[in-house]
Protein backbone atom coordinates (compact mmCIF):
# COMPACT_ATOMS: atom_id res chain seq x y z
CA MET A 1 113.96 149.21 111.41
CA ALA A 2 110.89 147.00 110.93
CA ILE A 3 107.73 147.84 112.81
CA ASP A 4 106.38 145.04 115.01
CA PHE A 5 102.72 145.41 114.00
CA LEU A 6 101.51 142.56 116.24
CA ALA A 7 103.03 144.15 119.36
CA MET A 8 101.74 147.59 118.36
CA ASN A 9 98.24 146.19 117.73
CA GLU A 10 98.15 144.27 121.01
CA LYS A 11 99.10 147.44 122.91
CA ALA A 12 96.50 149.51 121.03
CA ILE A 13 93.74 146.91 121.63
CA ALA A 14 94.51 146.82 125.38
CA GLU A 15 94.53 150.65 125.57
CA PHE A 16 91.29 150.88 123.56
CA ARG A 17 89.50 148.45 125.87
CA ALA A 18 90.88 150.02 129.06
CA ASN A 19 90.28 153.66 128.11
CA GLU A 20 86.81 153.82 126.55
CA GLY A 21 88.07 153.66 122.97
CA LYS A 22 91.08 155.96 123.36
CA CYS A 23 94.62 154.93 122.40
CA GLY A 24 98.04 156.46 123.00
CA PRO A 25 100.86 156.87 120.47
CA PRO A 26 100.99 156.22 117.59
CA PHE A 27 97.16 156.27 117.51
CA ASP A 28 96.47 159.20 119.84
CA GLY A 29 93.95 161.56 118.29
CA THR A 30 93.05 159.03 115.59
CA PRO A 31 89.53 157.58 115.60
CA ILE A 32 89.93 153.81 116.01
CA VAL A 33 87.54 150.88 115.66
CA LEU A 34 88.32 147.28 116.63
CA VAL A 35 87.48 144.90 113.79
CA THR A 36 87.10 141.20 114.58
CA MET A 37 87.51 138.68 111.75
CA MET A 38 88.33 135.03 111.13
CA GLY A 39 91.83 134.17 109.93
CA ALA A 40 91.76 132.94 106.31
CA LYS A 41 94.31 130.19 106.96
CA SER A 42 94.09 129.58 110.72
CA GLY A 43 90.34 129.94 111.19
CA ARG A 44 91.16 131.78 114.44
CA GLU A 45 89.36 134.88 115.56
CA LEU A 46 91.57 137.94 114.98
CA CYS A 47 91.16 141.51 116.16
CA SER A 48 92.75 144.55 114.51
CA PRO A 49 92.63 148.21 115.54
CA LEU A 50 91.86 150.19 112.40
CA ALA A 51 91.54 153.90 111.77
CA TYR A 52 88.30 155.22 110.37
CA THR A 53 86.72 158.37 109.06
CA THR A 54 83.20 159.23 108.02
CA ASP A 55 81.57 159.98 104.69
CA GLY A 56 78.19 161.41 105.57
CA ASP A 57 76.49 158.73 107.71
CA ASP A 58 78.91 156.01 106.54
CA LEU A 59 82.03 154.79 108.34
CA VAL A 60 85.07 154.39 106.11
CA ILE A 61 87.55 151.93 107.62
CA ILE A 62 91.20 152.43 106.71
CA ALA A 63 93.14 149.15 106.62
CA SER A 64 96.51 150.21 105.21
CA MET A 65 99.03 148.94 107.83
CA GLY A 66 100.30 152.51 108.05
CA GLY A 67 101.25 152.54 104.37
CA ALA A 68 103.22 149.28 104.51
CA PRO A 69 103.90 147.60 101.15
CA ASN A 70 102.04 144.40 102.14
CA LEU A 71 98.32 143.83 102.70
CA SER A 72 96.79 144.08 106.15
CA LEU A 73 95.10 141.07 107.76
CA ILE A 74 91.65 142.37 106.90
CA HIS A 75 92.45 142.35 103.17
CA ILE A 76 93.53 138.73 103.41
CA SER A 77 90.93 137.36 105.87
CA GLU A 78 87.69 139.21 105.21
CA PRO A 79 87.13 138.14 101.56
CA THR A 80 87.02 134.50 102.70
CA ARG A 81 84.20 135.10 105.15
CA PRO A 82 80.71 134.41 103.77
CA TYR A 83 78.05 137.04 104.44
């Protein structure tokens, strides 16, 4: 059965915003950050809940789509954004 990542993300984003950064399953207990980016093709603003960990003082953002075989939106959209 395919996972509906858009529906799962929308639910997680709403929970994150309503509960001071806390999310329920499947993210409960996982540190989450909301990352906002511009869509590479659409130019629309996109928001993704991503897991993170720390390495000393640095945040390490994990954008793996739960181990899915395809790239997450951040891998596709972020390289197109100039810094």
